[in-house]
Amino acid sequence: MLEYTGGNPAAAQAPLSSFFQTAAILRIGTGLLLMTRYGLGAAQDAYHFFWQEKSWDWVPAFHQAGMPYAHLLAPVVAVLVFGVALSWIIGFLTRLFALLFLPVVITTLVVLQHAGSPKVEAAWLYLIITATLLLFGSGSVSVDQLFRLGQGGGMKKRR
């Protein structure tokens, strides 16, 4: 027979635990969106551009934006976007990949703002999400949390 012992079961949780669950939802959702909208297509296009020498619209766009070595920088950015999306989906080294993604987002924001593109709002959202993940980490459901990365390192010692 079950007995009611009183008390709120949610009260025993840490005050920020619901926020870190929300950070996990934000991370996974953004990773999936980044992967489906940009990551997979960009990585495939970079492969076709680099190995099969097919034309790719990112290279002229990078060149018009004044970026040096556009034919090398575009595939690197495409692979980085794919890696960031994959990292955010599984929650592995989230802060490191957010730090690597930050210059890409800022550059994209500046270029889109200068061009007057309607996609500038998406760039602002990616910048805000990247800064949030950089500050708060991967959340409660992640590979980082499984190994407790970024919390003093390694597994807890037994006494």
N, C-alpha and C. Protein backbone atom coordinates (compact mmCIF):
# COMPACT_ATOMS: atom_id res chain seq x y z
N MET A 1 0.83 -1.17 0.00
CA MET A 1 0.00 0.00 0.00
C MET A 1 0.89 1.24 0.00
N LEU A 2 0.53 2.22 -0.81
CA LEU A 2 1.30 3.45 -0.91
C LEU A 2 0.81 4.44 0.13
N GLU A 3 1.73 5.15 0.68
CA GLU A 3 1.41 6.15 1.68
C GLU A 3 1.89 7.51 1.22
N TYR A 4 1.11 8.53 1.51
CA TYR A 4 1.52 9.89 1.20
C TYR A 4 2.37 10.40 2.35
N THR A 5 3.59 10.79 2.03
CA THR A 5 4.49 11.28 3.09
C THR A 5 4.55 12.79 3.12
N GLY A 6 3.92 13.45 2.18
CA GLY A 6 3.90 14.90 2.18
C GLY A 6 5.10 15.49 1.47
N GLY A 7 5.06 16.75 1.26
CA GLY A 7 6.17 17.44 0.61
C GLY A 7 6.02 17.47 -0.91
N ASN A 8 6.69 18.37 -1.49
CA ASN A 8 6.66 18.54 -2.93
C ASN A 8 7.88 17.86 -3.53
N PRO A 9 7.71 16.86 -4.41
CA PRO A 9 8.89 16.18 -4.96
C PRO A 9 9.75 17.10 -5.81
N ALA A 10 9.17 18.13 -6.37
CA ALA A 10 9.94 19.06 -7.19
C ALA A 10 10.81 19.97 -6.33
N ALA A 11 10.47 20.11 -5.06
CA ALA A 11 11.22 21.01 -4.18
C ALA A 11 12.62 20.49 -3.89
N ALA A 12 12.84 19.19 -4.03
CA ALA A 12 14.15 18.62 -3.74
C ALA A 12 15.15 18.89 -4.86
N GLN A 13 14.66 19.31 -6.01
CA GLN A 13 15.55 19.57 -7.14
C GLN A 13 16.28 20.89 -6.94
N ALA A 14 17.40 21.00 -7.60
CA ALA A 14 18.15 22.25 -7.58
C ALA A 14 17.33 23.32 -8.30
N PRO A 15 17.45 24.57 -7.90
CA PRO A 15 16.63 25.62 -8.50
C PRO A 15 16.87 25.81 -10.00
N LEU A 16 18.07 25.50 -10.46
CA LEU A 16 18.37 25.71 -11.87
C LEU A 16 18.20 24.45 -12.72
N SER A 17 17.72 23.36 -12.14
CA SER A 17 17.63 22.12 -12.90
C SER A 17 16.65 22.23 -14.06
N SER A 18 15.54 22.92 -13.86
CA SER A 18 14.59 23.07 -14.97
C SER A 18 15.19 23.94 -16.07
N PHE A 19 16.03 24.91 -15.70
CA PHE A 19 16.68 25.72 -16.72
C PHE A 19 17.63 24.88 -17.56
N PHE A 20 18.38 23.97 -16.92
CA PHE A 20 19.32 23.16 -17.67
C PHE A 20 18.61 22.12 -18.54
N GLN A 21 17.41 21.70 -18.14
CA GLN A 21 16.62 20.86 -19.03
C GLN A 21 16.16 21.68 -20.23
N THR A 22 15.81 22.94 -19.99
CA THR A 22 15.43 23.83 -21.08
C THR A 22 16.62 24.09 -21.99
N ALA A 23 17.82 24.22 -21.42
CA ALA A 23 19.02 24.40 -22.24
C ALA A 23 19.26 23.19 -23.13
N ALA A 24 18.95 22.00 -22.63
CA ALA A 24 19.10 20.80 -23.45
C ALA A 24 18.11 20.81 -24.60
N ILE A 25 16.88 21.23 -24.35
CA ILE A 25 15.89 21.31 -25.42
C ILE A 25 16.31 22.35 -26.45
N LEU A 26 16.80 23.50 -25.99
CA LEU A 26 17.29 24.54 -26.89
C LEU A 26 18.46 24.04 -27.73
N ARG A 27 19.38 23.34 -27.10
CA ARG A 27 20.56 22.81 -27.79
C ARG A 27 20.18 21.78 -28.84
N ILE A 28 19.35 20.82 -28.46
CA ILE A 28 18.97 19.75 -29.39
C ILE A 28 18.12 20.31 -30.53
N GLY A 29 17.17 21.17 -30.21
CA GLY A 29 16.33 21.76 -31.25
C GLY A 29 17.11 22.60 -32.23
N THR A 30 18.02 23.41 -31.72
CA THR A 30 18.85 24.24 -32.59
C THR A 30 19.80 23.38 -33.41
N GLY A 31 20.36 22.34 -32.81
CA GLY A 31 21.23 21.44 -33.55
C GLY A 31 20.51 20.75 -34.69
N LEU A 32 19.28 20.28 -34.42
CA LEU A 32 18.50 19.64 -35.48
C LEU A 32 18.14 20.62 -36.59
N LEU A 33 17.76 21.83 -36.20
CA LEU A 33 17.43 22.86 -37.19
C LEU A 33 18.66 23.23 -38.02
N LEU A 34 19.78 23.42 -37.37
CA LEU A 34 21.02 23.76 -38.06
C LEU A 34 21.45 22.62 -38.99
N MET A 35 21.27 21.38 -38.54
CA MET A 35 21.65 20.23 -39.36
C MET A 35 20.76 20.11 -40.60
N THR A 36 19.45 20.24 -40.41
CA THR A 36 18.54 20.04 -41.54
C THR A 36 18.53 21.22 -42.50
N ARG A 37 18.66 22.44 -41.99
CA ARG A 37 18.60 23.62 -42.86
C ARG A 37 19.91 23.92 -43.56
N TYR A 38 21.03 23.68 -42.89
CA TYR A 38 22.32 24.10 -43.45
C TYR A 38 23.37 23.00 -43.45
N GLY A 39 23.49 22.23 -42.38
CA GLY A 39 24.60 21.31 -42.19
C GLY A 39 24.72 20.22 -43.23
N LEU A 40 23.67 19.43 -43.41
CA LEU A 40 23.74 18.31 -44.36
C LEU A 40 23.95 18.79 -45.79
N GLY A 41 23.15 19.75 -46.20
CA GLY A 41 23.27 20.26 -47.57
C GLY A 41 24.61 20.91 -47.83
N ALA A 42 25.09 21.68 -46.87
CA ALA A 42 26.38 22.36 -47.04
C ALA A 42 27.52 21.36 -47.10
N ALA A 43 27.48 20.33 -46.25
CA ALA A 43 28.55 19.33 -46.26
C ALA A 43 28.54 18.54 -47.58
N GLN A 44 27.36 18.20 -48.08
CA GLN A 44 27.28 17.50 -49.36
C GLN A 44 27.75 18.39 -50.50
N ASP A 45 27.32 19.65 -50.50
CA ASP A 45 27.77 20.57 -51.55
C ASP A 45 29.27 20.80 -51.48
N ALA A 46 29.82 20.89 -50.28
CA ALA A 46 31.27 21.06 -50.13
C ALA A 46 32.01 19.85 -50.68
N TYR A 47 31.48 18.66 -50.43
CA TYR A 47 32.09 17.44 -50.97
C TYR A 47 32.08 17.47 -52.50
N HIS A 48 30.92 17.80 -53.08
CA HIS A 48 30.82 17.84 -54.54
C HIS A 48 31.71 18.93 -55.13
N PHE A 49 31.82 20.06 -54.43
CA PHE A 49 32.68 21.15 -54.91
C PHE A 49 34.15 20.76 -54.85
N PHE A 50 34.53 20.18 -53.73
CA PHE A 50 35.95 19.92 -53.49
C PHE A 50 36.46 18.71 -54.27
N TRP A 51 35.68 17.63 -54.30
CA TRP A 51 36.17 16.39 -54.90
C TRP A 51 35.68 16.16 -56.32
N GLN A 52 34.51 16.67 -56.67
CA GLN A 52 33.98 16.46 -58.01
C GLN A 52 34.01 17.72 -58.86
N GLU A 53 34.55 18.80 -58.29
CA GLU A 53 34.75 20.08 -58.97
C GLU A 53 33.46 20.63 -59.59
N LYS A 54 32.36 20.53 -58.86
CA LYS A 54 31.09 21.12 -59.29
C LYS A 54 30.99 22.52 -58.71
N SER A 55 30.23 23.38 -59.39
CA SER A 55 30.08 24.75 -58.90
C SER A 55 29.22 24.75 -57.63
N TRP A 56 29.42 25.79 -56.82
CA TRP A 56 28.73 25.89 -55.53
C TRP A 56 28.49 27.36 -55.25
N ASP A 57 27.29 27.70 -54.86
CA ASP A 57 26.93 29.11 -54.68
C ASP A 57 27.57 29.77 -53.46
N TRP A 58 28.10 29.00 -52.52
CA TRP A 58 28.75 29.60 -51.36
C TRP A 58 30.07 30.27 -51.74
N VAL A 59 30.78 29.72 -52.70
CA VAL A 59 32.10 30.26 -53.05
C VAL A 59 31.98 31.67 -53.63
N PRO A 60 31.11 31.92 -54.63
CA PRO A 60 30.96 33.31 -55.09
C PRO A 60 30.44 34.25 -54.01
N ALA A 61 29.58 33.73 -53.14
CA ALA A 61 29.07 34.57 -52.05
C ALA A 61 30.19 34.97 -51.09
N PHE A 62 31.07 34.01 -50.77
CA PHE A 62 32.21 34.33 -49.92
C PHE A 62 33.15 35.31 -50.61
N HIS A 63 33.34 35.12 -51.92
CA HIS A 63 34.23 36.00 -52.68
C HIS A 63 33.66 37.42 -52.75
N GLN A 64 32.35 37.54 -52.97
CA GLN A 64 31.72 38.85 -53.03
C GLN A 64 31.74 39.55 -51.67
N ALA A 65 31.75 38.79 -50.61
CA ALA A 65 31.81 39.37 -49.26
C ALA A 65 33.22 39.82 -48.91
N GLY A 66 34.19 39.55 -49.80
CA GLY A 66 35.56 39.98 -49.57
C GLY A 66 36.38 39.04 -48.71
N MET A 67 35.95 37.80 -48.60
CA MET A 67 36.68 36.83 -47.80
C MET A 67 37.86 36.28 -48.59
N PRO A 68 39.02 36.17 -47.98
CA PRO A 68 40.17 35.61 -48.69
C PRO A 68 40.04 34.09 -48.82
N TYR A 69 40.61 33.57 -49.88
CA TYR A 69 40.62 32.12 -50.13
C TYR A 69 39.22 31.51 -50.03
N ALA A 70 38.28 32.10 -50.75
CA ALA A 70 36.88 31.66 -50.68
C ALA A 70 36.72 30.21 -51.09
N HIS A 71 37.54 29.74 -52.03
CA HIS A 71 37.43 28.35 -52.48
C HIS A 71 37.86 27.35 -51.41
N LEU A 72 38.63 27.79 -50.42
CA LEU A 72 39.00 26.92 -49.29
C LEU A 72 38.16 27.20 -48.04
N LEU A 73 37.82 28.46 -47.85
CA LEU A 73 37.09 28.85 -46.65
C LEU A 73 35.65 28.33 -46.66
N ALA A 74 35.00 28.32 -47.81
CA ALA A 74 33.61 27.85 -47.89
C ALA A 74 33.46 26.39 -47.46
N PRO A 75 34.29 25.46 -47.97
CA PRO A 75 34.16 24.08 -47.48
C PRO A 75 34.49 23.92 -45.99
N VAL A 76 35.45 24.70 -45.50
CA VAL A 76 35.78 24.62 -44.07
C VAL A 76 34.59 25.07 -43.23
N VAL A 77 33.94 26.14 -43.63
CA VAL A 77 32.77 26.63 -42.90
C VAL A 77 31.64 25.60 -42.98
N ALA A 78 31.46 24.98 -44.15
CA ALA A 78 30.40 23.98 -44.30
C ALA A 78 30.62 22.79 -43.37
N VAL A 79 31.85 22.31 -43.30
CA VAL A 79 32.17 21.19 -42.41
C VAL A 79 32.03 21.62 -40.95
N LEU A 80 32.40 22.85 -40.64
CA LEU A 80 32.26 23.36 -39.28
C LEU A 80 30.79 23.43 -38.88
N VAL A 81 29.94 23.91 -39.77
CA VAL A 81 28.50 23.99 -39.48
C VAL A 81 27.94 22.59 -39.23
N PHE A 82 28.34 21.63 -40.05
CA PHE A 82 27.91 20.25 -39.86
C PHE A 82 28.40 19.72 -38.50
N GLY A 83 29.65 19.97 -38.17
CA GLY A 83 30.21 19.51 -36.90
C GLY A 83 29.54 20.16 -35.70
N VAL A 84 29.25 21.44 -35.80
CA VAL A 84 28.57 22.15 -34.71
C VAL A 84 27.18 21.57 -34.50
N ALA A 85 26.46 21.35 -35.59
CA ALA A 85 25.11 20.79 -35.48
C ALA A 85 25.14 19.41 -34.84
N LEU A 86 26.06 18.57 -35.27
CA LEU A 86 26.18 17.23 -34.70
C LEU A 86 26.56 17.29 -33.22
N SER A 87 27.49 18.17 -32.90
CA SER A 87 27.92 18.34 -31.51
C SER A 87 26.77 18.80 -30.62
N TRP A 88 25.98 19.74 -31.11
CA TRP A 88 24.86 20.25 -30.32
C TRP A 88 23.76 19.21 -30.18
N ILE A 89 23.55 18.39 -31.18
CA ILE A 89 22.50 17.37 -31.09
C ILE A 89 22.84 16.36 -30.00
N ILE A 90 24.08 15.89 -29.97
CA ILE A 90 24.44 14.88 -28.97
C ILE A 90 24.95 15.50 -27.67
N GLY A 91 25.27 16.78 -27.69
CA GLY A 91 25.73 17.44 -26.47
C GLY A 91 27.16 17.13 -26.11
N PHE A 92 28.02 17.06 -27.10
CA PHE A 92 29.43 16.74 -26.87
C PHE A 92 30.28 17.97 -27.14
N LEU A 93 31.03 18.40 -26.14
CA LEU A 93 31.89 19.59 -26.22
C LEU A 93 31.11 20.80 -26.73
N THR A 94 29.96 21.01 -26.13
CA THR A 94 29.03 22.04 -26.58
C THR A 94 29.64 23.43 -26.52
N ARG A 95 30.31 23.75 -25.43
CA ARG A 95 30.89 25.09 -25.30
C ARG A 95 32.02 25.32 -26.30
N LEU A 96 32.84 24.31 -26.54
CA LEU A 96 33.92 24.44 -27.52
C LEU A 96 33.36 24.70 -28.91
N PHE A 97 32.35 23.93 -29.30
CA PHE A 97 31.78 24.12 -30.63
C PHE A 97 31.00 25.43 -30.72
N ALA A 98 30.42 25.89 -29.62
CA ALA A 98 29.77 27.20 -29.62
C ALA A 98 30.81 28.30 -29.83
N LEU A 99 31.97 28.13 -29.20
CA LEU A 99 33.06 29.09 -29.37
C LEU A 99 33.58 29.09 -30.81
N LEU A 100 33.69 27.91 -31.42
CA LEU A 100 34.13 27.82 -32.81
C LEU A 100 33.09 28.38 -33.77
N PHE A 101 31.82 28.26 -33.41
CA PHE A 101 30.72 28.70 -34.28
C PHE A 101 30.48 30.20 -34.17
N LEU A 102 30.90 30.82 -33.08
CA LEU A 102 30.64 32.23 -32.85
C LEU A 102 31.18 33.14 -33.96
N PRO A 103 32.43 32.99 -34.43
CA PRO A 103 32.89 33.86 -35.52
C PRO A 103 32.11 33.64 -36.82
N VAL A 104 31.67 32.42 -37.06
CA VAL A 104 30.88 32.14 -38.26
C VAL A 104 29.55 32.88 -38.20
N VAL A 105 28.90 32.83 -37.05
CA VAL A 105 27.61 33.50 -36.89
C VAL A 105 27.76 35.01 -36.98
N ILE A 106 28.79 35.56 -36.36
CA ILE A 106 28.99 37.01 -36.40
C ILE A 106 29.29 37.47 -37.82
N THR A 107 30.13 36.74 -38.53
CA THR A 107 30.44 37.08 -39.92
C THR A 107 29.19 36.98 -40.79
N THR A 108 28.42 35.93 -40.60
CA THR A 108 27.17 35.77 -41.35
C THR A 108 26.22 36.92 -41.05
N LEU A 109 26.13 37.31 -39.80
CA LEU A 109 25.26 38.41 -39.41
C LEU A 109 25.68 39.71 -40.09
N VAL A 110 26.96 40.00 -40.09
CA VAL A 110 27.46 41.23 -40.72
C VAL A 110 27.20 41.22 -42.22
N VAL A 111 27.48 40.10 -42.87
CA VAL A 111 27.29 40.01 -44.33
C VAL A 111 25.81 40.13 -44.68
N LEU A 112 24.94 39.43 -43.96
CA LEU A 112 23.51 39.49 -44.25
C LEU A 112 22.93 40.86 -43.93
N GLN A 113 23.41 41.49 -42.87
CA GLN A 113 22.94 42.84 -42.53
C GLN A 113 23.34 43.82 -43.61
N HIS A 114 24.57 43.70 -44.11
CA HIS A 114 25.06 44.59 -45.17
C HIS A 114 24.28 44.37 -46.47
N ALA A 115 23.92 43.12 -46.75
CA ALA A 115 23.19 42.81 -47.98
C ALA A 115 21.70 43.11 -47.88
N GLY A 116 21.21 43.36 -46.68
CA GLY A 116 19.79 43.63 -46.49
C GLY A 116 18.93 42.38 -46.65
N SER A 117 19.48 41.24 -46.32
CA SER A 117 18.78 39.97 -46.49
C SER A 117 17.72 39.78 -45.40
N PRO A 118 16.61 39.14 -45.75
CA PRO A 118 15.61 38.84 -44.72
C PRO A 118 16.05 37.73 -43.76
N LYS A 119 17.12 37.02 -44.08
CA LYS A 119 17.61 35.95 -43.21
C LYS A 119 18.44 36.49 -42.04
N VAL A 120 18.54 37.80 -41.91
CA VAL A 120 19.33 38.38 -40.83
C VAL A 120 18.71 38.05 -39.47
N GLU A 121 17.39 37.87 -39.42
CA GLU A 121 16.74 37.51 -38.16
C GLU A 121 17.18 36.13 -37.69
N ALA A 122 17.32 35.19 -38.61
CA ALA A 122 17.80 33.85 -38.25
C ALA A 122 19.23 33.93 -37.73
N ALA A 123 20.04 34.78 -38.33
CA ALA A 123 21.42 34.94 -37.86
C ALA A 123 21.45 35.52 -36.45
N TRP A 124 20.57 36.48 -36.16
CA TRP A 124 20.49 37.01 -34.79
C TRP A 124 20.09 35.92 -33.80
N LEU A 125 19.12 35.09 -34.18
CA LEU A 125 18.70 34.01 -33.29
C LEU A 125 19.82 33.01 -33.06
N TYR A 126 20.55 32.65 -34.12
CA TYR A 126 21.68 31.74 -33.95
C TYR A 126 22.76 32.37 -33.06
N LEU A 127 22.96 33.67 -33.17
CA LEU A 127 23.93 34.35 -32.31
C LEU A 127 23.50 34.29 -30.84
N ILE A 128 22.23 34.55 -30.58
CA ILE A 128 21.73 34.51 -29.20
C ILE A 128 21.82 33.10 -28.63
N ILE A 129 21.46 32.11 -29.43
CA ILE A 129 21.51 30.71 -28.96
C ILE A 129 22.95 30.28 -28.74
N THR A 130 23.84 30.68 -29.65
CA THR A 130 25.26 30.33 -29.49
C THR A 130 25.82 30.94 -28.22
N ALA A 131 25.50 32.20 -27.96
CA ALA A 131 25.97 32.85 -26.73
C ALA A 131 25.39 32.16 -25.49
N THR A 132 24.13 31.76 -25.56
CA THR A 132 23.50 31.06 -24.43
C THR A 132 24.19 29.73 -24.16
N LEU A 133 24.46 28.95 -25.22
CA LEU A 133 25.13 27.66 -25.04
C LEU A 133 26.57 27.85 -24.59
N LEU A 134 27.20 28.92 -25.02
CA LEU A 134 28.57 29.20 -24.58
C LEU A 134 28.60 29.52 -23.09
N LEU A 135 27.61 30.26 -22.61
CA LEU A 135 27.57 30.64 -21.21
C LEU A 135 27.10 29.51 -20.29
N PHE A 136 26.07 28.78 -20.70
CA PHE A 136 25.43 27.82 -19.80
C PHE A 136 25.74 26.36 -20.09
N GLY A 137 26.35 26.06 -21.20
CA GLY A 137 26.72 24.68 -21.48
C GLY A 137 25.60 23.88 -22.11
N SER A 138 25.76 22.57 -22.02
CA SER A 138 24.92 21.66 -22.80
C SER A 138 23.59 21.30 -22.16
N GLY A 139 23.42 21.53 -20.90
CA GLY A 139 22.17 21.15 -20.25
C GLY A 139 22.28 19.78 -19.60
N SER A 140 21.13 19.25 -19.21
CA SER A 140 21.13 18.03 -18.40
C SER A 140 21.20 16.74 -19.21
N VAL A 141 20.79 16.76 -20.45
CA VAL A 141 20.77 15.56 -21.27
C VAL A 141 21.84 15.70 -22.34
N SER A 142 23.04 15.18 -22.06
CA SER A 142 24.13 15.34 -23.01
C SER A 142 25.26 14.38 -22.69
N VAL A 143 26.14 14.23 -23.66
CA VAL A 143 27.35 13.44 -23.44
C VAL A 143 28.25 14.17 -22.44
N ASP A 144 28.29 15.49 -22.52
CA ASP A 144 29.08 16.28 -21.56
C ASP A 144 28.65 15.97 -20.13
N GLN A 145 27.36 15.92 -19.89
CA GLN A 145 26.85 15.64 -18.55
C GLN A 145 27.15 14.21 -18.13
N LEU A 146 27.12 13.30 -19.11
CA LEU A 146 27.41 11.90 -18.81
C LEU A 146 28.82 11.74 -18.26
N PHE A 147 29.77 12.45 -18.85
CA PHE A 147 31.16 12.38 -18.39
C PHE A 147 31.53 13.54 -17.48
N ARG A 148 30.57 14.42 -17.20
CA ARG A 148 30.77 15.59 -16.35
C ARG A 148 31.91 16.47 -16.86
N LEU A 149 31.92 16.69 -18.17
CA LEU A 149 32.94 17.55 -18.76
C LEU A 149 32.64 19.00 -18.41
N GLY A 150 33.65 19.76 -18.10
CA GLY A 150 33.49 21.16 -17.77
C GLY A 150 33.10 21.39 -16.31
N GLN A 151 33.14 20.36 -15.49
CA GLN A 151 32.78 20.51 -14.08
C GLN A 151 33.92 20.04 -13.19
N GLY A 152 35.13 20.35 -13.54
CA GLY A 152 36.25 19.91 -12.73
C GLY A 152 36.85 18.61 -13.23
N GLY A 153 36.30 18.06 -14.29
CA GLY A 153 36.90 16.91 -14.96
C GLY A 153 36.62 15.57 -14.36
N GLY A 154 36.32 14.65 -15.24
CA GLY A 154 36.26 13.23 -14.90
C GLY A 154 35.11 12.81 -14.02
N MET A 155 35.14 11.55 -13.67
CA MET A 155 34.12 10.95 -12.83
C MET A 155 34.41 11.30 -11.37
N LYS A 156 33.35 11.26 -10.56
CA LYS A 156 33.55 11.54 -9.14
C LYS A 156 34.30 10.39 -8.49
N LYS A 157 35.16 10.74 -7.56
CA LYS A 157 35.96 9.73 -6.86
C LYS A 157 35.12 9.10 -5.75
N ARG A 158 35.31 7.81 -5.59
CA ARG A 158 34.64 7.11 -4.50
C ARG A 158 35.47 7.23 -3.23
N ARG A 159 34.80 7.31 -2.14
CA ARG A 159 35.50 7.43 -0.86
C ARG A 159 35.45 6.15 -0.09
